[in-house]
Amino acid sequence: MRIDYTGRKAEISEREQIKLKRKLDKIERILNRRGGLAAHVTLSRQRHLCEAEVTLRALRHTLVVTGSGVSTFAALHAALERLEKQALRNKRKIIDTRRPGRQRDRLPALVEDSLQRLDADLPELEQERPSKPVIVRSRRLEAKPMTPEEALLALDSGKREYVSFRDAFTGRINVLIRLRDGTAELVEGS
């Protein structure tokens, strides 16, 4: 990373420049860039207050942060903390919005081809060994009575495919099952 310094009645020492370089290298790793970034650091002092401004061009954006403090190093440290947060926020935003809809809706061609081959071979596998149903006993029953809406929230928050619970209004034991298509089916006890 290339770092340019501009000082207006303020300077930083070699030790502070090394610490600054380490911090900017960390931000460079966050942005997944190797050696392609350039930062411009502007330092200024007005009486007892030091101000630092860091400008970094990355991820199709210009990140500009300012920090102030009693010393130039304190001002730089405050500015770099803000720059790190801004870099993380912008990276997440770009990652979330940059993916085209086709990637979310369709699988890659290699995976689709593998699944088609597997589907073609699947009838042969089913004929070779018959599948036997497996009974799994569960002693999990939610301790407190809950409504079906609360059970749906418990089902969404957990990794289980079903939630058994006692209905708060009727006192019956019910089971809420997550189906393969993502819907939930309520089985009410008698």
N, C-alpha and C. Protein backbone atom coordinates (compact mmCIF):
# COMPACT_ATOMS: atom_id res chain seq x y z
N MET A 1 0.84 -1.17 0.00
CA MET A 1 0.00 0.00 0.00
C MET A 1 0.89 1.24 0.00
N ARG A 2 0.52 2.19 -0.83
CA ARG A 2 1.25 3.45 -0.90
C ARG A 2 0.57 4.46 0.02
N ILE A 3 1.34 5.12 0.87
CA ILE A 3 0.80 6.08 1.82
C ILE A 3 1.49 7.41 1.58
N ASP A 4 0.70 8.46 1.33
CA ASP A 4 1.22 9.81 1.16
C ASP A 4 0.83 10.62 2.39
N TYR A 5 1.80 11.36 2.93
CA TYR A 5 1.55 12.18 4.11
C TYR A 5 1.62 13.65 3.74
N THR A 6 0.69 14.41 4.31
CA THR A 6 0.70 15.86 4.18
C THR A 6 0.52 16.42 5.57
N GLY A 7 1.45 17.25 6.01
CA GLY A 7 1.37 17.80 7.36
C GLY A 7 1.25 19.31 7.35
N ARG A 8 0.31 19.80 8.09
CA ARG A 8 0.15 21.24 8.26
C ARG A 8 0.40 21.55 9.72
N LYS A 9 1.61 21.96 10.02
CA LYS A 9 2.06 22.24 11.38
C LYS A 9 2.01 20.99 12.27
N ALA A 10 2.06 19.82 11.65
CA ALA A 10 2.05 18.57 12.42
C ALA A 10 2.84 17.51 11.66
N GLU A 11 3.52 16.66 12.41
CA GLU A 11 4.29 15.57 11.83
C GLU A 11 4.14 14.35 12.71
N ILE A 12 4.48 13.18 12.14
CA ILE A 12 4.48 11.95 12.93
C ILE A 12 5.86 11.31 12.82
N SER A 13 6.21 10.58 13.86
CA SER A 13 7.54 9.95 13.90
C SER A 13 7.56 8.67 13.06
N GLU A 14 8.76 8.11 12.92
CA GLU A 14 8.92 6.86 12.17
C GLU A 14 8.18 5.71 12.83
N ARG A 15 8.24 5.64 14.18
CA ARG A 15 7.52 4.58 14.90
C ARG A 15 6.02 4.67 14.65
N GLU A 16 5.48 5.89 14.67
CA GLU A 16 4.06 6.07 14.44
C GLU A 16 3.70 5.75 12.99
N GLN A 17 4.60 6.02 12.05
CA GLN A 17 4.36 5.67 10.65
C GLN A 17 4.30 4.15 10.47
N ILE A 18 5.14 3.42 11.21
CA ILE A 18 5.12 1.95 11.14
C ILE A 18 3.81 1.42 11.69
N LYS A 19 3.34 1.96 12.80
CA LYS A 19 2.06 1.53 13.37
C LYS A 19 0.91 1.86 12.42
N LEU A 20 0.98 3.02 11.81
CA LEU A 20 -0.03 3.42 10.83
C LEU A 20 -0.03 2.46 9.65
N LYS A 21 1.15 2.08 9.17
CA LYS A 21 1.26 1.14 8.04
C LYS A 21 0.64 -0.20 8.39
N ARG A 22 0.86 -0.70 9.62
CA ARG A 22 0.26 -1.98 10.04
C ARG A 22 -1.26 -1.89 10.03
N LYS A 23 -1.79 -0.80 10.53
CA LYS A 23 -3.24 -0.63 10.59
C LYS A 23 -3.83 -0.56 9.18
N LEU A 24 -3.17 0.16 8.29
CA LEU A 24 -3.65 0.25 6.92
C LEU A 24 -3.51 -1.08 6.18
N ASP A 25 -2.49 -1.87 6.52
CA ASP A 25 -2.36 -3.21 5.93
C ASP A 25 -3.53 -4.10 6.35
N LYS A 26 -3.98 -3.94 7.59
CA LYS A 26 -5.14 -4.70 8.07
C LYS A 26 -6.38 -4.31 7.27
N ILE A 27 -6.55 -3.02 7.03
CA ILE A 27 -7.70 -2.55 6.25
C ILE A 27 -7.58 -3.06 4.81
N GLU A 28 -6.36 -3.13 4.29
CA GLU A 28 -6.15 -3.65 2.94
C GLU A 28 -6.55 -5.13 2.87
N ARG A 29 -6.26 -5.91 3.92
CA ARG A 29 -6.67 -7.31 3.94
C ARG A 29 -8.18 -7.43 4.01
N ILE A 30 -8.83 -6.53 4.73
CA ILE A 30 -10.29 -6.54 4.80
C ILE A 30 -10.88 -6.33 3.41
N LEU A 31 -10.28 -5.44 2.65
CA LEU A 31 -10.78 -5.12 1.32
C LEU A 31 -10.30 -6.11 0.26
N ASN A 32 -9.54 -7.14 0.65
CA ASN A 32 -9.04 -8.18 -0.26
C ASN A 32 -8.20 -7.62 -1.39
N ARG A 33 -7.46 -6.61 -1.13
CA ARG A 33 -6.57 -6.04 -2.14
C ARG A 33 -5.14 -6.28 -1.70
N ARG A 34 -4.29 -6.62 -2.64
CA ARG A 34 -2.89 -6.83 -2.34
C ARG A 34 -2.05 -5.81 -3.11
N GLY A 35 -1.66 -4.74 -2.42
CA GLY A 35 -0.75 -3.78 -3.01
C GLY A 35 -1.36 -2.80 -4.00
N GLY A 36 -2.64 -2.80 -4.18
CA GLY A 36 -3.23 -1.92 -5.18
C GLY A 36 -3.88 -0.68 -4.61
N LEU A 37 -3.77 -0.44 -3.32
CA LEU A 37 -4.44 0.70 -2.70
C LEU A 37 -3.45 1.82 -2.41
N ALA A 38 -3.99 3.03 -2.39
CA ALA A 38 -3.18 4.19 -2.04
C ALA A 38 -3.98 5.03 -1.05
N ALA A 39 -3.32 5.43 0.02
CA ALA A 39 -3.96 6.24 1.06
C ALA A 39 -3.28 7.60 1.12
N HIS A 40 -4.07 8.60 1.41
CA HIS A 40 -3.54 9.94 1.59
C HIS A 40 -3.90 10.41 2.99
N VAL A 41 -2.90 10.72 3.79
CA VAL A 41 -3.08 11.13 5.17
C VAL A 41 -2.75 12.61 5.28
N THR A 42 -3.70 13.38 5.79
CA THR A 42 -3.49 14.81 5.99
C THR A 42 -3.57 15.10 7.48
N LEU A 43 -2.51 15.70 8.03
CA LEU A 43 -2.45 16.04 9.44
C LEU A 43 -2.43 17.55 9.59
N SER A 44 -3.16 18.04 10.58
CA SER A 44 -3.14 19.48 10.86
C SER A 44 -3.24 19.71 12.35
N ARG A 45 -2.67 20.82 12.79
CA ARG A 45 -2.70 21.16 14.21
C ARG A 45 -3.19 22.60 14.34
N GLN A 46 -4.16 22.77 15.24
CA GLN A 46 -4.68 24.10 15.57
C GLN A 46 -4.65 24.23 17.08
N ARG A 47 -3.75 25.02 17.57
CA ARG A 47 -3.51 25.20 19.01
C ARG A 47 -3.30 23.86 19.69
N HIS A 48 -4.26 23.40 20.49
CA HIS A 48 -4.08 22.17 21.24
C HIS A 48 -4.79 20.97 20.60
N LEU A 49 -5.45 21.15 19.46
CA LEU A 49 -6.22 20.10 18.82
C LEU A 49 -5.55 19.66 17.51
N CYS A 50 -5.34 18.35 17.41
CA CYS A 50 -4.78 17.78 16.18
C CYS A 50 -5.89 17.08 15.41
N GLU A 51 -5.88 17.24 14.12
CA GLU A 51 -6.87 16.59 13.26
C GLU A 51 -6.15 15.77 12.20
N ALA A 52 -6.76 14.61 11.88
CA ALA A 52 -6.21 13.73 10.86
C ALA A 52 -7.33 13.37 9.89
N GLU A 53 -7.01 13.40 8.62
CA GLU A 53 -7.96 13.00 7.59
C GLU A 53 -7.29 11.94 6.74
N VAL A 54 -7.96 10.79 6.57
CA VAL A 54 -7.43 9.70 5.77
C VAL A 54 -8.37 9.47 4.60
N THR A 55 -7.82 9.48 3.39
CA THR A 55 -8.60 9.25 2.17
C THR A 55 -8.07 7.98 1.52
N LEU A 56 -8.98 7.05 1.24
CA LEU A 56 -8.59 5.76 0.66
C LEU A 56 -9.55 5.44 -0.48
N ARG A 57 -9.00 5.16 -1.64
CA ARG A 57 -9.82 4.80 -2.80
C ARG A 57 -9.85 3.29 -2.89
N ALA A 58 -11.06 2.70 -2.69
CA ALA A 58 -11.18 1.24 -2.71
C ALA A 58 -12.62 0.84 -3.00
N LEU A 59 -12.79 -0.33 -3.59
CA LEU A 59 -14.11 -0.92 -3.85
C LEU A 59 -15.04 0.04 -4.58
N ARG A 60 -14.53 0.69 -5.61
CA ARG A 60 -15.29 1.64 -6.41
C ARG A 60 -15.83 2.82 -5.61
N HIS A 61 -15.27 3.06 -4.44
CA HIS A 61 -15.68 4.16 -3.58
C HIS A 61 -14.43 4.87 -3.05
N THR A 62 -14.62 6.09 -2.63
CA THR A 62 -13.57 6.80 -1.94
C THR A 62 -13.98 6.88 -0.48
N LEU A 63 -13.19 6.28 0.38
CA LEU A 63 -13.47 6.29 1.81
C LEU A 63 -12.69 7.45 2.44
N VAL A 64 -13.41 8.35 3.07
CA VAL A 64 -12.80 9.52 3.70
C VAL A 64 -13.25 9.56 5.15
N VAL A 65 -12.28 9.60 6.07
CA VAL A 65 -12.60 9.66 7.50
C VAL A 65 -11.73 10.74 8.14
N THR A 66 -12.26 11.26 9.22
CA THR A 66 -11.50 12.25 10.00
C THR A 66 -11.49 11.83 11.45
N GLY A 67 -10.46 12.25 12.14
CA GLY A 67 -10.35 12.00 13.57
C GLY A 67 -9.63 13.17 14.22
N SER A 68 -9.93 13.38 15.48
CA SER A 68 -9.25 14.46 16.20
C SER A 68 -8.83 13.95 17.56
N GLY A 69 -7.79 14.59 18.08
CA GLY A 69 -7.27 14.18 19.38
C GLY A 69 -6.25 15.18 19.88
N VAL A 70 -5.70 14.88 21.05
CA VAL A 70 -4.72 15.76 21.67
C VAL A 70 -3.39 15.69 20.94
N SER A 71 -3.03 14.48 20.48
CA SER A 71 -1.78 14.32 19.73
C SER A 71 -2.09 13.86 18.32
N THR A 72 -1.10 13.94 17.46
CA THR A 72 -1.32 13.51 16.08
C THR A 72 -1.58 12.01 16.00
N PHE A 73 -0.90 11.23 16.84
CA PHE A 73 -1.11 9.79 16.82
C PHE A 73 -2.51 9.43 17.30
N ALA A 74 -3.02 10.12 18.32
CA ALA A 74 -4.38 9.87 18.81
C ALA A 74 -5.40 10.22 17.73
N ALA A 75 -5.17 11.29 17.01
CA ALA A 75 -6.08 11.67 15.93
C ALA A 75 -6.04 10.64 14.80
N LEU A 76 -4.84 10.16 14.46
CA LEU A 76 -4.71 9.13 13.42
C LEU A 76 -5.37 7.83 13.84
N HIS A 77 -5.20 7.46 15.10
CA HIS A 77 -5.79 6.22 15.60
C HIS A 77 -7.32 6.30 15.52
N ALA A 78 -7.90 7.42 15.92
CA ALA A 78 -9.35 7.59 15.84
C ALA A 78 -9.84 7.53 14.39
N ALA A 79 -9.09 8.15 13.48
CA ALA A 79 -9.48 8.13 12.07
C ALA A 79 -9.39 6.73 11.49
N LEU A 80 -8.36 5.97 11.86
CA LEU A 80 -8.20 4.62 11.32
C LEU A 80 -9.24 3.65 11.86
N GLU A 81 -9.67 3.86 13.10
CA GLU A 81 -10.77 3.04 13.64
C GLU A 81 -12.04 3.26 12.82
N ARG A 82 -12.31 4.51 12.50
CA ARG A 82 -13.49 4.82 11.68
C ARG A 82 -13.34 4.27 10.27
N LEU A 83 -12.13 4.33 9.73
CA LEU A 83 -11.89 3.81 8.39
C LEU A 83 -12.11 2.30 8.34
N GLU A 84 -11.68 1.60 9.36
CA GLU A 84 -11.89 0.15 9.40
C GLU A 84 -13.38 -0.18 9.42
N LYS A 85 -14.16 0.53 10.23
CA LYS A 85 -15.60 0.29 10.29
C LYS A 85 -16.26 0.61 8.95
N GLN A 86 -15.84 1.70 8.33
CA GLN A 86 -16.42 2.10 7.05
C GLN A 86 -16.06 1.09 5.96
N ALA A 87 -14.86 0.57 5.99
CA ALA A 87 -14.44 -0.43 5.00
C ALA A 87 -15.26 -1.71 5.15
N LEU A 88 -15.47 -2.16 6.37
CA LEU A 88 -16.28 -3.36 6.61
C LEU A 88 -17.71 -3.15 6.12
N ARG A 89 -18.28 -2.00 6.44
CA ARG A 89 -19.66 -1.71 6.05
C ARG A 89 -19.79 -1.66 4.53
N ASN A 90 -18.88 -1.00 3.84
CA ASN A 90 -18.94 -0.91 2.39
C ASN A 90 -18.69 -2.25 1.72
N LYS A 91 -17.82 -3.05 2.27
CA LYS A 91 -17.55 -4.37 1.68
C LYS A 91 -18.79 -5.25 1.78
N ARG A 92 -19.46 -5.25 2.95
CA ARG A 92 -20.69 -6.03 3.09
C ARG A 92 -21.76 -5.54 2.11
N LYS A 93 -21.88 -4.24 1.96
CA LYS A 93 -22.88 -3.68 1.07
C LYS A 93 -22.62 -4.09 -0.36
N ILE A 94 -21.38 -4.05 -0.78
CA ILE A 94 -21.04 -4.41 -2.16
C ILE A 94 -21.23 -5.90 -2.38
N ILE A 95 -20.85 -6.72 -1.43
CA ILE A 95 -21.03 -8.16 -1.57
C ILE A 95 -22.51 -8.52 -1.67
N ASP A 96 -23.35 -7.89 -0.86
CA ASP A 96 -24.77 -8.19 -0.87
C ASP A 96 -25.47 -7.72 -2.14
N THR A 97 -25.04 -6.61 -2.71
CA THR A 97 -25.74 -6.07 -3.88
C THR A 97 -25.10 -6.45 -5.19
N ARG A 98 -23.88 -6.96 -5.19
CA ARG A 98 -23.18 -7.22 -6.43
C ARG A 98 -23.56 -8.54 -7.07
N ARG A 99 -24.10 -9.45 -6.31
CA ARG A 99 -24.42 -10.76 -6.87
C ARG A 99 -25.66 -10.67 -7.74
N PRO A 100 -25.55 -11.08 -8.98
CA PRO A 100 -26.73 -11.01 -9.85
C PRO A 100 -27.77 -12.04 -9.44
N GLY A 101 -29.00 -11.82 -9.84
CA GLY A 101 -30.11 -12.70 -9.46
C GLY A 101 -29.94 -14.11 -9.97
N ARG A 102 -29.28 -14.27 -11.10
CA ARG A 102 -29.13 -15.62 -11.64
C ARG A 102 -28.30 -16.49 -10.73
N GLN A 103 -27.38 -15.92 -9.99
CA GLN A 103 -26.58 -16.73 -9.08
C GLN A 103 -27.42 -17.23 -7.91
N ARG A 104 -28.34 -16.42 -7.46
CA ARG A 104 -29.17 -16.84 -6.34
C ARG A 104 -30.24 -17.82 -6.78
N ASP A 105 -30.74 -17.66 -8.01
CA ASP A 105 -31.85 -18.49 -8.47
C ASP A 105 -31.40 -19.81 -9.08
N ARG A 106 -30.23 -19.83 -9.70
CA ARG A 106 -29.76 -21.04 -10.37
C ARG A 106 -28.46 -21.53 -9.76
N LEU A 107 -28.28 -22.82 -9.84
CA LEU A 107 -27.03 -23.42 -9.42
C LEU A 107 -26.01 -23.29 -10.55
N PRO A 108 -24.72 -23.37 -10.22
CA PRO A 108 -23.71 -23.36 -11.28
C PRO A 108 -23.90 -24.55 -12.22
N ALA A 109 -23.43 -24.41 -13.45
CA ALA A 109 -23.64 -25.44 -14.47
C ALA A 109 -23.03 -26.77 -14.06
N LEU A 110 -21.88 -26.75 -13.42
CA LEU A 110 -21.24 -28.00 -13.00
C LEU A 110 -22.09 -28.74 -11.97
N VAL A 111 -22.67 -28.00 -11.03
CA VAL A 111 -23.51 -28.62 -10.00
C VAL A 111 -24.80 -29.14 -10.61
N GLU A 112 -25.41 -28.38 -11.53
CA GLU A 112 -26.63 -28.84 -12.20
C GLU A 112 -26.37 -30.12 -12.98
N ASP A 113 -25.23 -30.19 -13.67
CA ASP A 113 -24.88 -31.38 -14.43
C ASP A 113 -24.72 -32.59 -13.50
N SER A 114 -24.08 -32.38 -12.36
CA SER A 114 -23.90 -33.48 -11.40
C SER A 114 -25.23 -33.95 -10.85
N LEU A 115 -26.13 -33.02 -10.56
CA LEU A 115 -27.44 -33.39 -10.04
C LEU A 115 -28.27 -34.14 -11.08
N GLN A 116 -28.15 -33.75 -12.35
CA GLN A 116 -28.88 -34.46 -13.40
C GLN A 116 -28.37 -35.88 -13.55
N ARG A 117 -27.05 -36.07 -13.48
CA ARG A 117 -26.49 -37.42 -13.54
C ARG A 117 -26.94 -38.26 -12.35
N LEU A 118 -26.98 -37.64 -11.18
CA LEU A 118 -27.42 -38.34 -9.98
C LEU A 118 -28.88 -38.74 -10.09
N ASP A 119 -29.72 -37.84 -10.63
CA ASP A 119 -31.13 -38.16 -10.82
C ASP A 119 -31.31 -39.29 -11.83
N ALA A 120 -30.47 -39.34 -12.85
CA ALA A 120 -30.55 -40.41 -13.84
C ALA A 120 -30.16 -41.74 -13.22
N ASP A 121 -29.20 -41.75 -12.31
CA ASP A 121 -28.75 -42.98 -11.68
C ASP A 121 -29.61 -43.38 -10.49
N LEU A 122 -30.43 -42.47 -9.99
CA LEU A 122 -31.21 -42.71 -8.77
C LEU A 122 -32.19 -43.86 -8.89
N PRO A 123 -32.97 -44.03 -9.99
CA PRO A 123 -33.89 -45.18 -10.05
C PRO A 123 -33.18 -46.52 -9.95
N GLU A 124 -31.98 -46.61 -10.51
CA GLU A 124 -31.23 -47.85 -10.41
C GLU A 124 -30.83 -48.13 -8.97
N LEU A 125 -30.43 -47.11 -8.24
CA LEU A 125 -30.05 -47.29 -6.85
C LEU A 125 -31.24 -47.69 -5.99
N GLU A 126 -32.42 -47.12 -6.26
CA GLU A 126 -33.60 -47.45 -5.48
C GLU A 126 -34.02 -48.89 -5.71
N GLN A 127 -33.82 -49.41 -6.93
CA GLN A 127 -34.20 -50.79 -7.21
C GLN A 127 -33.25 -51.76 -6.53
N GLU A 128 -32.01 -51.39 -6.38
CA GLU A 128 -31.03 -52.31 -5.80
C GLU A 128 -31.29 -52.54 -4.31
N ARG A 129 -31.52 -51.49 -3.55
CA ARG A 129 -31.75 -51.68 -2.12
C ARG A 129 -33.00 -50.92 -1.71
N PRO A 130 -33.97 -51.65 -1.20
CA PRO A 130 -35.19 -50.99 -0.77
C PRO A 130 -34.93 -50.19 0.52
N SER A 131 -35.58 -49.05 0.61
CA SER A 131 -35.39 -48.22 1.80
C SER A 131 -36.40 -48.63 2.86
N LYS A 132 -35.92 -48.78 4.08
CA LYS A 132 -36.78 -49.14 5.20
C LYS A 132 -37.04 -47.89 6.02
N PRO A 133 -38.26 -47.68 6.44
CA PRO A 133 -38.53 -46.52 7.28
C PRO A 133 -37.86 -46.67 8.64
N VAL A 134 -37.35 -45.58 9.14
CA VAL A 134 -36.67 -45.58 10.42
C VAL A 134 -37.50 -44.77 11.40
N ILE A 135 -37.72 -45.34 12.58
CA ILE A 135 -38.47 -44.65 13.62
C ILE A 135 -37.48 -44.05 14.59
N VAL A 136 -37.61 -42.75 14.81
CA VAL A 136 -36.74 -42.04 15.73
C VAL A 136 -37.60 -41.55 16.88
N ARG A 137 -37.27 -41.98 18.08
CA ARG A 137 -38.03 -41.54 19.25
C ARG A 137 -37.41 -40.26 19.80
N SER A 138 -38.29 -39.35 20.15
CA SER A 138 -37.84 -38.09 20.70
C SER A 138 -38.55 -37.84 22.02
N ARG A 139 -37.78 -37.49 23.02
CA ARG A 139 -38.37 -37.17 24.32
C ARG A 139 -38.39 -35.66 24.54
N ARG A 140 -38.17 -34.94 23.46
CA ARG A 140 -38.19 -33.48 23.57
C ARG A 140 -39.61 -32.97 23.48
N LEU A 141 -40.05 -32.33 24.48
CA LEU A 141 -41.34 -31.65 24.49
C LEU A 141 -41.10 -30.32 25.16
N GLU A 142 -41.51 -29.26 24.49
CA GLU A 142 -41.29 -27.94 25.05
C GLU A 142 -42.00 -27.86 26.40
N ALA A 143 -41.28 -27.38 27.42
CA ALA A 143 -41.77 -27.39 28.79
C ALA A 143 -42.96 -26.47 28.99
N LYS A 144 -42.90 -25.28 28.46
CA LYS A 144 -43.99 -24.34 28.69
C LYS A 144 -45.00 -24.44 27.56
N PRO A 145 -46.26 -24.25 27.84
CA PRO A 145 -47.26 -24.23 26.78
C PRO A 145 -47.01 -23.04 25.85
N MET A 146 -47.25 -23.23 24.55
CA MET A 146 -47.03 -22.15 23.60
C MET A 146 -48.08 -22.19 22.51
N THR A 147 -48.20 -21.09 21.82
CA THR A 147 -49.12 -21.00 20.70
C THR A 147 -48.43 -21.53 19.45
N PRO A 148 -49.19 -21.83 18.41
CA PRO A 148 -48.54 -22.29 17.17
C PRO A 148 -47.59 -21.25 16.58
N GLU A 149 -47.88 -19.96 16.78
CA GLU A 149 -46.98 -18.92 16.26
C GLU A 149 -45.64 -18.95 16.99
N GLU A 150 -45.68 -19.17 18.32
CA GLU A 150 -44.43 -19.27 19.07
C GLU A 150 -43.66 -20.52 18.66
N ALA A 151 -44.38 -21.60 18.38
CA ALA A 151 -43.72 -22.83 17.93
C ALA A 151 -43.05 -22.62 16.57
N LEU A 152 -43.70 -21.82 15.70
CA LEU A 152 -43.11 -21.51 14.41
C LEU A 152 -41.81 -20.73 14.59
N LEU A 153 -41.79 -19.80 15.53
CA LEU A 153 -40.56 -19.05 15.81
C LEU A 153 -39.48 -19.98 16.34
N ALA A 154 -39.85 -20.94 17.20
CA ALA A 154 -38.87 -21.91 17.72
C ALA A 154 -38.35 -22.80 16.60
N LEU A 155 -39.22 -23.14 15.66
CA LEU A 155 -38.81 -23.97 14.53
C LEU A 155 -37.86 -23.21 13.62
N ASP A 156 -38.10 -21.92 13.40
CA ASP A 156 -37.23 -21.11 12.55
C ASP A 156 -35.88 -20.86 13.20
N SER A 157 -35.85 -20.75 14.54
CA SER A 157 -34.60 -20.44 15.20
C SER A 157 -33.71 -21.66 15.40
N GLY A 158 -34.27 -22.86 15.41
CA GLY A 158 -33.48 -24.06 15.65
C GLY A 158 -33.08 -24.77 14.38
N LYS A 159 -32.35 -25.86 14.55
CA LYS A 159 -31.90 -26.65 13.41
C LYS A 159 -32.76 -27.89 13.22
N ARG A 160 -33.80 -28.02 14.03
CA ARG A 160 -34.64 -29.21 13.95
C ARG A 160 -35.67 -29.06 12.84
N GLU A 161 -36.18 -30.19 12.38
CA GLU A 161 -37.19 -30.21 11.34
C GLU A 161 -38.60 -30.20 11.93
N TYR A 162 -38.72 -30.34 13.25
CA TYR A 162 -40.03 -30.35 13.87
C TYR A 162 -39.91 -29.79 15.29
N VAL A 163 -41.04 -29.35 15.83
CA VAL A 163 -41.13 -28.90 17.22
C VAL A 163 -42.40 -29.50 17.80
N SER A 164 -42.27 -30.24 18.89
CA SER A 164 -43.44 -30.75 19.60
C SER A 164 -43.68 -29.85 20.79
N PHE A 165 -44.97 -29.51 21.02
CA PHE A 165 -45.27 -28.55 22.08
C PHE A 165 -46.69 -28.79 22.60
N ARG A 166 -46.97 -28.27 23.78
CA ARG A 166 -48.31 -28.32 24.35
C ARG A 166 -49.00 -27.00 24.01
N ASP A 167 -50.19 -27.11 23.40
CA ASP A 167 -50.93 -25.92 22.98
C ASP A 167 -51.38 -25.15 24.22
N ALA A 168 -51.19 -23.84 24.19
CA ALA A 168 -51.51 -22.99 25.33
C ALA A 168 -53.01 -22.89 25.56
N PHE A 169 -53.83 -23.01 24.52
CA PHE A 169 -55.27 -22.83 24.66
C PHE A 169 -56.00 -24.14 24.92
N THR A 170 -55.63 -25.21 24.21
CA THR A 170 -56.36 -26.48 24.34
C THR A 170 -55.69 -27.47 25.27
N GLY A 171 -54.39 -27.32 25.52
CA GLY A 171 -53.67 -28.26 26.37
C GLY A 171 -53.25 -29.52 25.64
N ARG A 172 -53.54 -29.64 24.36
CA ARG A 172 -53.17 -30.83 23.58
C ARG A 172 -51.71 -30.75 23.16
N ILE A 173 -51.15 -31.92 22.91
CA ILE A 173 -49.78 -31.98 22.41
C ILE A 173 -49.84 -31.93 20.89
N ASN A 174 -49.15 -30.95 20.31
CA ASN A 174 -49.13 -30.74 18.86
C ASN A 174 -47.70 -30.84 18.35
N VAL A 175 -47.59 -31.07 17.06
CA VAL A 175 -46.28 -31.14 16.41
C VAL A 175 -46.31 -30.21 15.20
N LEU A 176 -45.29 -29.37 15.09
CA LEU A 176 -45.14 -28.48 13.94
C LEU A 176 -43.95 -29.00 13.14
N ILE A 177 -44.20 -29.37 11.88
CA ILE A 177 -43.19 -30.03 11.05
C ILE A 177 -42.81 -29.11 9.89
N ARG A 178 -41.50 -28.98 9.64
CA ARG A 178 -41.01 -28.20 8.49
C ARG A 178 -40.98 -29.13 7.29
N LEU A 179 -41.74 -28.79 6.24
CA LEU A 179 -41.77 -29.59 5.02
C LEU A 179 -40.61 -29.21 4.11
N ARG A 180 -40.36 -30.02 3.09
CA ARG A 180 -39.22 -29.79 2.20
C ARG A 180 -39.36 -28.50 1.40
N ASP A 181 -40.60 -28.09 1.11
CA ASP A 181 -40.79 -26.86 0.34
C ASP A 181 -40.70 -25.61 1.19
N GLY A 182 -40.42 -25.76 2.50
CA GLY A 182 -40.23 -24.61 3.37
C GLY A 182 -41.45 -24.23 4.19
N THR A 183 -42.61 -24.82 3.88
CA THR A 183 -43.80 -24.51 4.65
C THR A 183 -43.79 -25.34 5.94
N ALA A 184 -44.67 -24.97 6.85
CA ALA A 184 -44.77 -25.68 8.13
C ALA A 184 -46.14 -26.31 8.23
N GLU A 185 -46.20 -27.56 8.67
CA GLU A 185 -47.46 -28.29 8.82
C GLU A 185 -47.70 -28.53 10.30
N LEU A 186 -48.92 -28.21 10.76
CA LEU A 186 -49.30 -28.38 12.15
C LEU A 186 -50.10 -29.66 12.28
N VAL A 187 -49.63 -30.58 13.13
CA VAL A 187 -50.35 -31.81 13.43
C VAL A 187 -50.88 -31.67 14.83
N GLU A 188 -52.24 -31.63 14.94
CA GLU A 188 -52.86 -31.42 16.25
C GLU A 188 -53.20 -32.76 16.87
N GLY A 189 -52.92 -32.87 18.15
CA GLY A 189 -53.26 -34.10 18.88
C GLY A 189 -54.74 -34.13 19.25
N SER A 190 -55.22 -35.32 19.57
CA SER A 190 -56.64 -35.45 19.92
C SER A 190 -56.85 -35.44 21.41
